[in-house]
C-alpha atoms as a PDB file:
ATOM      1  CA  MET A   1      53.882 128.796  71.191  1.00  0.00           C
ATOM      2  CA  HIS A   2      50.770 129.397  68.712  1.00  0.00           C
ATOM      3  CA  VAL A   3      48.649 126.010  67.912  1.00  0.00           C
ATOM      4  CA  HIS A   4      46.737 126.614  65.020  1.00  0.00           C
ATOM      5  CA  THR A   5      43.229 125.246  65.184  1.00  0.00           C
ATOM      6  CA  LEU A   6      44.441 122.785  62.985  1.00  0.00           C
ATOM      7  CA  GLY A   7      46.542 121.100  65.316  1.00  0.00           C
ATOM      8  CA  TRP A   8      43.872 121.133  67.898  1.00  0.00           C
ATOM      9  CA  ILE A   9      41.314 119.179  66.003  1.00  0.00           C
ATOM     10  CA  GLY A  10      44.508 116.831  64.772  1.00  0.00           C
ATOM     11  CA  LEU A  11      45.061 115.743  68.580  1.00  0.00           C
ATOM     12  CA  ALA A  12      41.391 115.411  68.688  1.00  0.00           C
ATOM     13  CA  ALA A  13      41.085 113.163  66.023  1.00  0.00           C
ATOM     14  CA  ILE A  14      44.210 110.939  67.261  1.00  0.00           C
ATOM     15  CA  VAL A  15      42.573 110.707  70.531  1.00  0.00           C
ATOM     16  CA  LEU A  16      39.280 109.738  69.506  1.00  0.00           C
ATOM     17  CA  THR A  17      40.559 107.536  66.878  1.00  0.00           C
ATOM     18  CA  LEU A  18      42.270 105.454  69.270  1.00  0.00           C
ATOM     19  CA  ILE A  19      39.435 105.186  71.604  1.00  0.00           C
ATOM     20  CA  THR A  20      37.450 104.218  69.006  1.00  0.00           C
ATOM     21  CA  ILE A  21      39.911 101.420  68.175  1.00  0.00           C
ATOM     22  CA  ASP A  22      39.700 100.264  71.570  1.00  0.00           C
ATOM     23  CA  PHE A  23      36.144 100.080  72.021  1.00  0.00           C
ATOM     24  CA  VAL A  24      35.335  98.355  68.750  1.00  0.00           C
ATOM     25  CA  GLY A  25      38.246  96.241  68.279  1.00  0.00           C
ATOM     26  CA  HIS A  26      39.573  95.227  71.882  1.00  0.00           C
ATOM     27  CA  THR A  27      36.693  95.435  74.321  1.00  0.00           C
ATOM     28  CA  ARG A  28      33.650  94.431  71.582  1.00  0.00           C
ATOM     29  CA  LYS A  29      34.903  90.593  72.875  1.00  0.00           C
ATOM     30  CA  SER A  30      35.627  90.897  76.646  1.00  0.00           C
ATOM     31  CA  HIS A  31      38.767  88.778  77.130  1.00  0.00           C
ATOM     32  CA  ALA A  32      42.121  89.009  79.132  1.00  0.00           C
ATOM     33  CA  PRO A  33      44.934  90.529  76.846  1.00  0.00           C
ATOM     34  CA  SER A  34      47.920  87.926  76.504  1.00  0.00           C
ATOM     35  CA  LEU A  35      51.105  89.099  77.558  1.00  0.00           C
ATOM     36  CA  LYS A  36      51.999  89.479  73.637  1.00  0.00           C
ATOM     37  CA  GLU A  37      48.967  91.101  72.697  1.00  0.00           C
ATOM     38  CA  ALA A  38      49.672  93.534  75.959  1.00  0.00           C
ATOM     39  CA  ALA A  39      53.300  94.045  74.601  1.00  0.00           C
ATOM     40  CA  ILE A  40      52.240  94.584  71.238  1.00  0.00           C
ATOM     41  CA  TRP A  41      49.868  97.521  71.903  1.00  0.00           C
ATOM     42  CA  SER A  42      52.209  98.924  74.908  1.00  0.00           C
ATOM     43  CA  GLY A  43      54.841  99.346  72.689  1.00  0.00           C
ATOM     44  CA  PHE A  44      52.432 100.990  70.034  1.00  0.00           C
ATOM     45  CA  TYR A  45      51.574 103.748  72.270  1.00  0.00           C
ATOM     46  CA  ILE A  46      54.904 104.530  73.376  1.00  0.00           C
ATOM     47  CA  PHE A  47      55.980 104.328  69.488  1.00  0.00           C
ATOM     48  CA  LEU A  48      52.885 106.999  68.934  1.00  0.00           C
ATOM     49  CA  ALA A  49      53.713 109.239  71.843  1.00  0.00           C
ATOM     50  CA  ALA A  50      57.684 109.114  71.014  1.00  0.00           C
ATOM     51  CA  SER A  51      56.597 109.979  67.330  1.00  0.00           C
ATOM     52  CA  PHE A  52      53.857 113.001  68.493  1.00  0.00           C
ATOM     53  CA  GLY A  53      57.341 114.438  70.222  1.00  0.00           C
ATOM     54  CA  VAL A  54      59.146 114.289  67.199  1.00  0.00           C
ATOM     55  CA  MET A  55      56.448 116.287  65.257  1.00  0.00           C
ATOM     56  CA  VAL A  56      55.953 118.892  68.036  1.00  0.00           C
ATOM     57  CA  TRP A  57      60.123 119.384  67.339  1.00  0.00           C
ATOM     58  CA  ALA A  58      59.499 119.890  63.611  1.00  0.00           C
ATOM     59  CA  ILE A  59      56.857 122.302  63.584  1.00  0.00           C
ATOM     60  CA  TYR A  60      57.555 123.995  66.983  1.00  0.00           C
ATOM     61  CA  GLY A  61      61.210 123.405  67.747  1.00  0.00           C
ATOM     62  CA  SER A  62      63.387 121.527  70.407  1.00  0.00           C
ATOM     63  CA  HIS A  63      62.114 123.790  73.070  1.00  0.00           C
ATOM     64  CA  TYR A  64      58.712 122.692  73.185  1.00  0.00           C
ATOM     65  CA  ALA A  65      59.627 118.906  72.417  1.00  0.00           C
ATOM     66  CA  ALA A  66      61.629 118.837  75.794  1.00  0.00           C
ATOM     67  CA  GLN A  67      58.925 120.224  77.000  1.00  0.00           C
ATOM     68  CA  TYR A  68      56.433 117.806  75.860  1.00  0.00           C
ATOM     69  CA  TYR A  69      58.554 114.514  76.398  1.00  0.00           C
ATOM     70  CA  ALA A  70      59.456 116.065  80.210  1.00  0.00           C
ATOM     71  CA  GLY A  71      55.518 115.898  80.829  1.00  0.00           C
ATOM     72  CA  TRP A  72      54.703 113.189  79.280  1.00  0.00           C
ATOM     73  CA  LEU A  73      57.780 111.131  81.157  1.00  0.00           C
ATOM     74  CA  THR A  74      56.211 112.555  84.195  1.00  0.00           C
ATOM     75  CA  GLU A  75      52.699 111.816  83.523  1.00  0.00           C
ATOM     76  CA  TRP A  76      53.294 108.213  82.824  1.00  0.00           C
ATOM     77  CA  SER A  77      55.286 107.817  85.746  1.00  0.00           C
ATOM     78  CA  LEU A  78      52.483 108.911  88.040  1.00  0.00           C
ATOM     79  CA  SER A  79      50.297 106.685  85.931  1.00  0.00           C
ATOM     80  CA  VAL A  80      52.108 103.665  86.523  1.00  0.00           C
ATOM     81  CA  ASP A  81      51.553 104.459  90.317  1.00  0.00           C
ATOM     82  CA  ASN A  82      48.364 105.112  89.899  1.00  0.00           C
ATOM     83  CA  LEU A  83      48.018 101.053  88.452  1.00  0.00           C
ATOM     84  CA  PHE A  84      48.277 100.037  92.120  1.00  0.00           C
ATOM     85  CA  VAL A  85      45.285 101.744  93.054  1.00  0.00           C
ATOM     86  CA  PHE A  86      43.295 100.472  90.134  1.00  0.00           C
ATOM     87  CA  ILE A  87      44.501  96.690  90.905  1.00  0.00           C
ATOM     88  CA  ILE A  88      43.258  97.518  94.226  1.00  0.00           C
ATOM     89  CA  ILE A  89      40.026  98.933  93.094  1.00  0.00           C
ATOM     90  CA  LEU A  90      39.459  96.029  90.419  1.00  0.00           C
ATOM     91  CA  GLY A  91      40.000  92.970  93.132  1.00  0.00           C
ATOM     92  CA  ALA A  92      37.597  94.997  95.442  1.00  0.00           C
ATOM     93  CA  PHE A  93      35.011  94.822  93.481  1.00  0.00           C
ATOM     94  CA  ARG A  94      35.944  91.123  92.168  1.00  0.00           C
ATOM     95  CA  VAL A  95      36.044  92.106  88.679  1.00  0.00           C
ATOM     96  CA  PRO A  96      36.515  89.083  86.127  1.00  0.00           C
ATOM     97  CA  ARG A  97      39.889  89.431  84.481  1.00  0.00           C
ATOM     98  CA  GLU A  98      38.222  88.823  80.694  1.00  0.00           C
ATOM     99  CA  TYR A  99      35.978  92.126  82.130  1.00  0.00           C
ATOM    100  CA  GLN A 100      38.958  94.492  83.436  1.00  0.00           C
ATOM    101  CA  GLN A 101      39.860  95.619  80.151  1.00  0.00           C
ATOM    102  CA  LYS A 102      36.118  97.208  79.589  1.00  0.00           C
ATOM    103  CA  ALA A 103      36.185  98.345  82.746  1.00  0.00           C
ATOM    104  CA  LEU A 104      39.876 100.091  82.768  1.00  0.00           C
ATOM    105  CA  LEU A 105      38.696 101.555  78.769  1.00  0.00           C
ATOM    106  CA  PHE A 106      36.096 103.192  80.274  1.00  0.00           C
ATOM    107  CA  GLY A 107      37.708 103.993  83.202  1.00  0.00           C
ATOM    108  CA  ILE A 108      40.292 105.918  80.977  1.00  0.00           C
ATOM    109  CA  ALA A 109      37.748 107.702  78.448  1.00  0.00           C
ATOM    110  CA  THR A 110      36.288 109.307  82.046  1.00  0.00           C
ATOM    111  CA  ALA A 111      39.901 110.288  83.010  1.00  0.00           C
ATOM    112  CA  LEU A 112      40.400 111.789  79.528  1.00  0.00           C
ATOM    113  CA  ILE A 113      37.418 114.249  80.000  1.00  0.00           C
ATOM    114  CA  LEU A 114      37.825 114.837  83.763  1.00  0.00           C
ATOM    115  CA  ARG A 115      41.796 115.810  82.930  1.00  0.00           C
ATOM    116  CA  LEU A 116      40.614 117.727  80.043  1.00  0.00           C
ATOM    117  CA  ILE A 117      38.501 119.892  82.532  1.00  0.00           C
ATOM    118  CA  PHE A 118      41.378 120.455  84.725  1.00  0.00           C
ATOM    119  CA  ILE A 119      43.789 121.708  82.137  1.00  0.00           C
ATOM    120  CA  LEU A 120      41.643 124.436  81.125  1.00  0.00           C
ATOM    121  CA  LEU A 121      41.087 125.687  84.394  1.00  0.00           C
ATOM    122  CA  GLY A 122      44.772 125.030  85.534  1.00  0.00           C
ATOM    123  CA  ALA A 123      45.656 127.261  82.273  1.00  0.00           C
ATOM    124  CA  ALA A 124      43.068 129.856  82.803  1.00  0.00           C
ATOM    125  CA  LEU A 125      44.338 130.072  86.646  1.00  0.00           C
ATOM    126  CA  ILE A 126      47.926 130.537  85.360  1.00  0.00           C
ATOM    127  CA  GLU A 127      46.857 133.154  82.829  1.00  0.00           C
ATOM    128  CA  HIS A 128      44.800 135.478  85.518  1.00  0.00           C
ATOM    129  CA  PHE A 129      46.718 134.602  88.744  1.00  0.00           C
ATOM    130  CA  SER A 130      50.354 134.045  88.685  1.00  0.00           C
ATOM    131  CA  TRP A 131      50.403 133.526  92.606  1.00  0.00           C
ATOM    132  CA  VAL A 132      48.906 130.163  91.994  1.00  0.00           C
ATOM    133  CA  PHE A 133      52.601 128.623  91.126  1.00  0.00           C
ATOM    134  CA  TYR A 134      53.337 129.212  94.777  1.00  0.00           C
ATOM    135  CA  PHE A 135      50.132 126.808  95.787  1.00  0.00           C
ATOM    136  CA  PHE A 136      50.725 124.430  92.788  1.00  0.00           C
ATOM    137  CA  GLY A 137      54.599 124.041  94.090  1.00  0.00           C
ATOM    138  CA  ALA A 138      53.226 123.969  97.870  1.00  0.00           C
ATOM    139  CA  PHE A 139      50.850 121.269  97.100  1.00  0.00           C
ATOM    140  CA  LEU A 140      53.946 119.217  94.752  1.00  0.00           C
ATOM    141  CA  LEU A 141      56.325 119.285  97.842  1.00  0.00           C
ATOM    142  CA  TRP A 142      53.609 118.358 100.399  1.00  0.00           C
ATOM    143  CA  THR A 143      52.753 114.984  97.722  1.00  0.00           C
ATOM    144  CA  ALA A 144      56.411 114.297  97.547  1.00  0.00           C
ATOM    145  CA  TYR A 145      56.569 114.078 101.445  1.00  0.00           C
ATOM    146  CA  SER A 146      53.778 111.701 101.252  1.00  0.00           C
ATOM    147  CA  GLN A 147      55.395 109.567  98.703  1.00  0.00           C
ATOM    148  CA  ALA A 148      58.222 109.322  99.989  1.00  0.00           C
ATOM    149  CA  LYS A 149      56.857 108.300 103.582  1.00  0.00           C
ATOM    150  CA  GLU A 150      55.029 105.179 101.664  1.00  0.00           C
ATOM    151  CA  SER A 151      56.675 101.899 101.623  1.00  0.00           C
ATOM    152  CA  GLY A 152      57.335 100.295  97.983  1.00  0.00           C
ATOM    153  CA  GLY A 153      54.446  98.362  96.875  1.00  0.00           C
ATOM    154  CA  SER A 154      52.176  98.728 100.277  1.00  0.00           C
ATOM    155  CA  GLU A 155      48.918  99.436  98.147  1.00  0.00           C
ATOM    156  CA  GLU A 156      48.520  96.175  97.263  1.00  0.00           C
ATOM    157  CA  ASP A 157      48.156  95.418 100.764  1.00  0.00           C
ATOM    158  CA  ASP A 158      45.580  97.868 101.700  1.00  0.00           C
ATOM    159  CA  GLU A 159      41.864  97.693 101.238  1.00  0.00           C
ATOM    160  CA  TYR A 160      39.651  99.493  98.593  1.00  0.00           C
ATOM    161  CA  GLU A 161      37.332 102.083 100.499  1.00  0.00           C
ATOM    162  CA  GLU A 162      34.291 103.446  98.267  1.00  0.00           C
ATOM    163  CA  ASN A 163      34.707 107.256  97.886  1.00  0.00           C
ATOM    164  CA  GLN A 164      31.314 109.032  98.915  1.00  0.00           C
ATOM    165  CA  PHE A 165      30.437 109.434  95.073  1.00  0.00           C
ATOM    166  CA  THR A 166      30.480 106.008  94.355  1.00  0.00           C
ATOM    167  CA  ARG A 167      28.419 105.300  97.557  1.00  0.00           C
ATOM    168  CA  ILE A 168      25.864 107.628  96.727  1.00  0.00           C
ATOM    169  CA  ILE A 169      25.832 105.655  92.912  1.00  0.00           C
ATOM    170  CA  ARG A 170      24.957 102.210  94.748  1.00  0.00           C
ATOM    171  CA  LYS A 171      21.696 103.839  96.924  1.00  0.00           C
ATOM    172  CA  VAL A 172      20.517 105.881  94.135  1.00  0.00           C
ATOM    173  CA  LEU A 173      20.641 103.280  91.184  1.00  0.00           C
ATOM    174  CA  PRO A 174      19.138 100.364  92.087  1.00  0.00           C
ATOM    175  CA  THR A 175      22.164  97.664  91.462  1.00  0.00           C
ATOM    176  CA  THR A 176      22.101  93.862  90.345  1.00  0.00           C
ATOM    177  CA  ASP A 177      23.622  91.432  93.120  1.00  0.00           C
ATOM    178  CA  GLY A 178      26.249  90.065  90.480  1.00  0.00           C
ATOM    179  CA  PHE A 179      27.935  90.290  87.422  1.00  0.00           C
ATOM    180  CA  VAL A 180      25.745  90.057  83.994  1.00  0.00           C
ATOM    181  CA  GLY A 181      28.508  89.135  81.488  1.00  0.00           C
ATOM    182  CA  ASP A 182      29.975  92.532  80.767  1.00  0.00           C
ATOM    183  CA  LYS A 183      27.163  94.582  80.830  1.00  0.00           C
ATOM    184  CA  LEU A 184      27.022  98.079  82.704  1.00  0.00           C
ATOM    185  CA  PHE A 185      23.322  98.294  82.664  1.00  0.00           C
ATOM    186  CA  HIS A 186      20.855  95.064  82.941  1.00  0.00           C
ATOM    187  CA  ARG A 187      16.763  95.380  82.497  1.00  0.00           C
ATOM    188  CA  VAL A 188      14.622  92.990  84.715  1.00  0.00           C
ATOM    189  CA  ASN A 189      10.805  93.191  84.823  1.00  0.00           C
ATOM    190  CA  HIS A 190      10.581  96.455  82.973  1.00  0.00           C
ATOM    191  CA  ARG A 191      13.067  98.198  85.644  1.00  0.00           C
ATOM    192  CA  THR A 192      16.519  98.921  84.463  1.00  0.00           C
ATOM    193  CA  TYR A 193      19.526  98.077  86.919  1.00  0.00           C
ATOM    194  CA  VAL A 194      23.320  98.962  86.931  1.00  0.00           C
ATOM    195  CA  THR A 195      25.629  96.144  87.184  1.00  0.00           C
ATOM    196  CA  PRO A 196      29.040  96.024  89.618  1.00  0.00           C
ATOM    197  CA  LEU A 197      31.062  96.588  86.896  1.00  0.00           C
ATOM    198  CA  PHE A 198      29.175  99.786  86.087  1.00  0.00           C
ATOM    199  CA  ILE A 199      30.125 100.855  89.884  1.00  0.00           C
ATOM    200  CA  ALA A 200      33.770  99.700  89.198  1.00  0.00           C
ATOM    201  CA  ILE A 201      34.172 102.081  86.212  1.00  0.00           C
ATOM    202  CA  ILE A 202      32.539 104.660  88.260  1.00  0.00           C
ATOM    203  CA  ALA A 203      34.988 103.932  91.069  1.00  0.00           C
ATOM    204  CA  LEU A 204      37.809 104.008  88.465  1.00  0.00           C
ATOM    205  CA  GLY A 205      36.886 107.394  86.996  1.00  0.00           C
ATOM    206  CA  SER A 206      35.899 109.061  90.259  1.00  0.00           C
ATOM    207  CA  ALA A 207      39.750 107.890  91.523  1.00  0.00           C
ATOM    208  CA  ASP A 208      41.261 109.672  88.909  1.00  0.00           C
ATOM    209  CA  ILE A 209      39.952 113.049  89.986  1.00  0.00           C
ATOM    210  CA  MET A 210      42.487 112.574  93.114  1.00  0.00           C
ATOM    211  CA  PHE A 211      45.047 111.524  90.246  1.00  0.00           C
ATOM    212  CA  ALA A 212      44.533 114.886  88.523  1.00  0.00           C
ATOM    213  CA  PHE A 213      45.232 117.110  91.570  1.00  0.00           C
ATOM    214  CA  ASP A 214      49.179 115.182  91.819  1.00  0.00           C
ATOM    215  CA  SER A 215      49.646 115.128  87.908  1.00  0.00           C
ATOM    216  CA  ILE A 216      48.024 118.357  86.539  1.00  0.00           C
ATOM    217  CA  PRO A 217      50.212 120.705  88.785  1.00  0.00           C
ATOM    218  CA  ALA A 218      53.194 118.458  88.170  1.00  0.00           C
ATOM    219  CA  ILE A 219      53.071 118.923  84.347  1.00  0.00           C
ATOM    220  CA  PHE A 220      52.383 122.812  84.581  1.00  0.00           C
ATOM    221  CA  GLY A 221      55.731 122.785  86.295  1.00  0.00           C
ATOM    222  CA  LEU A 222      57.163 121.565  82.891  1.00  0.00           C
ATOM    223  CA  THR A 223      55.420 123.300  80.413  1.00  0.00           C
ATOM    224  CA  GLN A 224      52.429 125.908  80.178  1.00  0.00           C
ATOM    225  CA  GLU A 225      51.230 125.125  77.033  1.00  0.00           C
ATOM    226  CA  PRO A 226      47.429 123.511  77.246  1.00  0.00           C
ATOM    227  CA  TYR A 227      48.105 122.254  73.780  1.00  0.00           C
ATOM    228  CA  LEU A 228      51.294 119.914  75.253  1.00  0.00           C
ATOM    229  CA  VAL A 229      49.763 119.129  78.520  1.00  0.00           C
ATOM    230  CA  PHE A 230      46.817 117.546  76.991  1.00  0.00           C
ATOM    231  CA  ALA A 231      48.753 115.470  74.641  1.00  0.00           C
ATOM    232  CA  ALA A 232      50.762 114.501  77.275  1.00  0.00           C
ATOM    233  CA  ASN A 233      47.914 113.549  79.350  1.00  0.00           C
ATOM    234  CA  ALA A 234      46.140 112.054  76.620  1.00  0.00           C
ATOM    235  CA  PHE A 235      49.063 109.328  75.721  1.00  0.00           C
ATOM    236  CA  ALA A 236      49.984 108.351  79.254  1.00  0.00           C
ATOM    237  CA  LEU A 237      46.459 107.597  79.542  1.00  0.00           C
ATOM    238  CA  LEU A 238      45.545 105.811  76.331  1.00  0.00           C
ATOM    239  CA  GLY A 239      48.381 103.093  77.295  1.00  0.00           C
ATOM    240  CA  LEU A 240      47.897 102.795  80.481  1.00  0.00           C
ATOM    241  CA  ARG A 241      45.093  99.825  79.536  1.00  0.00           C
ATOM    242  CA  GLN A 242      47.674  97.772  77.909  1.00  0.00           C
ATOM    243  CA  LEU A 243      50.357  98.567  80.527  1.00  0.00           C
ATOM    244  CA  PHE A 244      47.978  97.544  83.241  1.00  0.00           C
ATOM    245  CA  PHE A 245      48.346  93.416  81.851  1.00  0.00           C
ATOM    246  CA  LEU A 246      51.918  93.903  80.808  1.00  0.00           C
ATOM    247  CA  ILE A 247      53.304  94.690  84.195  1.00  0.00           C
ATOM    248  CA  ASP A 248      50.625  94.130  86.748  1.00  0.00           C
ATOM    249  CA  GLY A 249      52.814  91.360  88.109  1.00  0.00           C
ATOM    250  CA  LEU A 250      56.187  93.143  87.708  1.00  0.00           C
ATOM    251  CA  LEU A 251      54.552  96.249  89.817  1.00  0.00           C
ATOM    252  CA  GLU A 252      55.286  94.385  93.071  1.00  0.00           C
ATOM    253  CA  ARG A 253      59.267  94.665  92.062  1.00  0.00           C
ATOM    254  CA  LEU A 254      58.796  98.042  91.684  1.00  0.00           C
ATOM    255  CA  ILE A 255      59.521  99.012  95.619  1.00  0.00           C
ATOM    256  CA  TYR A 256      61.305 102.112  95.298  1.00  0.00           C
ATOM    257  CA  LEU A 257      58.815 103.660  92.748  1.00  0.00           C
ATOM    258  CA  ASN A 258      57.492 106.051  95.408  1.00  0.00           C
ATOM    259  CA  TYR A 259      61.091 107.110  96.267  1.00  0.00           C
ATOM    260  CA  GLY A 260      61.525 108.049  92.571  1.00  0.00           C
ATOM    261  CA  LEU A 261      57.924 109.868  92.257  1.00  0.00           C
ATOM    262  CA  ALA A 262      58.982 111.648  95.407  1.00  0.00           C
ATOM    263  CA  ILE A 263      62.021 113.060  93.749  1.00  0.00           C
ATOM    264  CA  ILE A 264      60.306 113.806  90.566  1.00  0.00           C
ATOM    265  CA  LEU A 265      57.381 115.766  92.434  1.00  0.00           C
ATOM    266  CA  GLY A 266      59.677 117.557  94.898  1.00  0.00           C
ATOM    267  CA  PHE A 267      62.103 118.652  91.865  1.00  0.00           C
ATOM    268  CA  ILE A 268      58.924 120.343  89.917  1.00  0.00           C
ATOM    269  CA  GLY A 269      57.231 121.413  92.847  1.00  0.00           C
ATOM    270  CA  LEU A 270      60.697 123.379  94.218  1.00  0.00           C
ATOM    271  CA  LYS A 271      60.983 124.513  90.292  1.00  0.00           C
ATOM    272  CA  LEU A 272      57.240 125.859  90.408  1.00  0.00           C
ATOM    273  CA  ILE A 273      58.239 127.774  93.449  1.00  0.00           C
ATOM    274  CA  ASN A 274      61.098 128.966  92.055  1.00  0.00           C
ATOM    275  CA  HIS A 275      59.369 130.102  88.997  1.00  0.00           C
ATOM    276  CA  ALA A 276      56.882 132.052  91.067  1.00  0.00           C
ATOM    277  CA  LEU A 277      59.430 134.139  92.807  1.00  0.00           C
ATOM    278  CA  HIS A 278      60.805 134.585  89.378  1.00  0.00           C
ATOM    279  CA  HIS A 279      57.553 136.500  88.464  1.00  0.00           C
ATOM    280  CA  ASN A 280      56.554 137.441  92.121  1.00  0.00           C
ATOM    281  CA  GLU A 281      53.677 139.964  92.555  1.00  0.00           C
ATOM    282  CA  ILE A 282      52.458 139.414  96.279  1.00  0.00           C
ATOM    283  CA  PRO A 283      53.342 142.505  98.110  1.00  0.00           C
ATOM    284  CA  PHE A 284      54.433 140.662 101.609  1.00  0.00           C
ATOM    285  CA  ILE A 285      57.236 138.765  99.502  1.00  0.00           C
ATOM    286  CA  ASN A 286      60.155 140.973  98.687  1.00  0.00           C
ATOM    287  CA  GLY A 287      57.682 143.823  98.326  1.00  0.00           C
ATOM    288  CA  GLY A 288      56.247 142.623  95.462  1.00  0.00           C
ATOM    289  CA  HIS A 289      59.312 142.462  93.452  1.00  0.00           C
ATOM    290  CA  PRO A 290      60.848 139.179  91.576  1.00  0.00           C
ATOM    291  CA  ILE A 291      63.351 137.545  93.250  1.00  0.00           C
ATOM    292  CA  THR A 292      65.772 136.296  90.769  1.00  0.00           C
ATOM    293  CA  ALA A 293      68.753 134.701  92.689  1.00  0.00           C
ATOM    294  CA  ILE A 294      68.440 131.073  91.805  1.00  0.00           C
ATOM    295  CA  PRO A 295      68.411 130.781  88.081  1.00  0.00           C
ATOM    296  CA  GLU A 296      65.465 128.576  86.491  1.00  0.00           C
ATOM    297  CA  PRO A 297      66.395 125.164  85.546  1.00  0.00           C
ATOM    298  CA  SER A 298      66.428 124.739  81.536  1.00  0.00           C
ATOM    299  CA  THR A 299      63.708 122.097  80.486  1.00  0.00           C
ATOM    300  CA  MET A 300      66.640 120.064  79.547  1.00  0.00           C
ATOM    301  CA  LEU A 301      67.764 119.817  82.553  1.00  0.00           C
ATOM    302  CA  SER A 302      64.427 119.080  83.936  1.00  0.00           C
ATOM    303  CA  LEU A 303      63.991 116.081  81.435  1.00  0.00           C
ATOM    304  CA  GLY A 304      67.739 114.790  82.260  1.00  0.00           C
ATOM    305  CA  VAL A 305      66.223 114.747  86.189  1.00  0.00           C
ATOM    306  CA  ILE A 306      63.216 113.165  85.320  1.00  0.00           C
ATOM    307  CA  VAL A 307      64.880 110.366  83.233  1.00  0.00           C
ATOM    308  CA  VAL A 308      67.768 109.643  85.062  1.00  0.00           C
ATOM    309  CA  THR A 309      65.551 109.286  87.822  1.00  0.00           C
ATOM    310  CA  LEU A 310      63.105 106.826  86.374  1.00  0.00           C
ATOM    311  CA  VAL A 311      65.809 104.355  84.979  1.00  0.00           C
ATOM    312  CA  LEU A 312      67.517 104.631  88.725  1.00  0.00           C
ATOM    313  CA  THR A 313      64.252 103.618  90.480  1.00  0.00           C
ATOM    314  CA  ALA A 314      63.803 100.814  87.905  1.00  0.00           C
ATOM    315  CA  VAL A 315      67.398  99.683  87.817  1.00  0.00           C
ATOM    316  CA  THR A 316      67.601  99.609  91.756  1.00  0.00           C
ATOM    317  CA  SER A 317      64.147  98.040  92.279  1.00  0.00           C
ATOM    318  CA  LEU A 318      64.809  95.199  89.890  1.00  0.00           C
ATOM    319  CA  LEU A 319      67.968  94.496  91.607  1.00  0.00           C
ATOM    320  CA  ALA A 320      66.765  94.670  94.785  1.00  0.00           C
ATOM    321  CA  THR A 321      64.411  92.133  94.293  1.00  0.00           C
ATOM    322  CA  ARG A 322      66.304  89.899  92.720  1.00  0.00           C
ATOM    323  CA  GLY A 323      68.595  89.204  95.581  1.00  0.00           C
ATOM    324  CA  GLN A 324      65.151  89.167  97.668  1.00  0.00           C
ATOM    325  CA  ASP A 325      63.880  86.185  95.227  1.00  0.00           C
ATOM    326  CA  GLN A 326      67.498  84.624  95.257  1.00  0.00           C
ATOM    327  CA  VAL A 327      67.229  84.429  99.315  1.00  0.00           C
ATOM    328  CA  THR A 328      63.886  83.045  99.227  1.00  0.00           C
ATOM    329  CA  LYS A 329      64.776  80.330  96.483  1.00  0.00           C
ATOM    330  CA  ALA A 330      67.686  79.664  99.052  1.00  0.00           C
END
């Protein structure tokens, strides 16, 4: 897949335009989005992501479009899981709801920059070291196992613990005792302080580093095209802020989400290892010769597995919690 420079410029222009609209139009006046506003904008971002896939189909063909859609759905589902952590972080810092939109926007903008760095590093590794697929695959299998062990929705019962980077920020930079409106910095007596909102944004952005360790290997298991990888990540992250306000109450009912993600990550992990075996060059594995006994699953099969898993996860979760609600009411 050869992407012209104009293709990268166009994608960058779309991402920067959307971020600018968010900063200028949505967070200029701090407010908690209504359910209607969150639903409209979430629908817009989903439509935009789907339309980009149609454009990929028209220019590069259905094969690459299917790779993009599989990658975007995977990134989107992992992002939904990450919302649990965002809720914990915002709650731990006691960020008022009217300021949460600004915190999420800055955190997501930071995450986009970090994801781009990870994607470029991942693409360079894959190009020069084919054995990295073994590492990615094994890591995803371990992540799938960890996901399967978790109890659905348990993240909300956990307490957030600041990571080392956030604790260093607190120690190095003087911090105000409380929030100062939606300011990130506050100057008093010729001295500049950071606010708890700034620390919360740092926490959200640094937490995404851990999320990237799951999502980047996962999407490289579906496509090795950096253009598609970044596009899928960008569209999944850009709609995350409004999705947060739309489904933060619904997250409690997605009790089987961890099992669905475990299936998806496990499938992609096995797919990566099988791909590595097909291009094997490691001397102590089959004498350095490829192993092609198991056919590699097609992109359409991968897309089908992801879609079916997500649908079954959502339906079974909602049906199970509806039954629990009825028992509780009775």
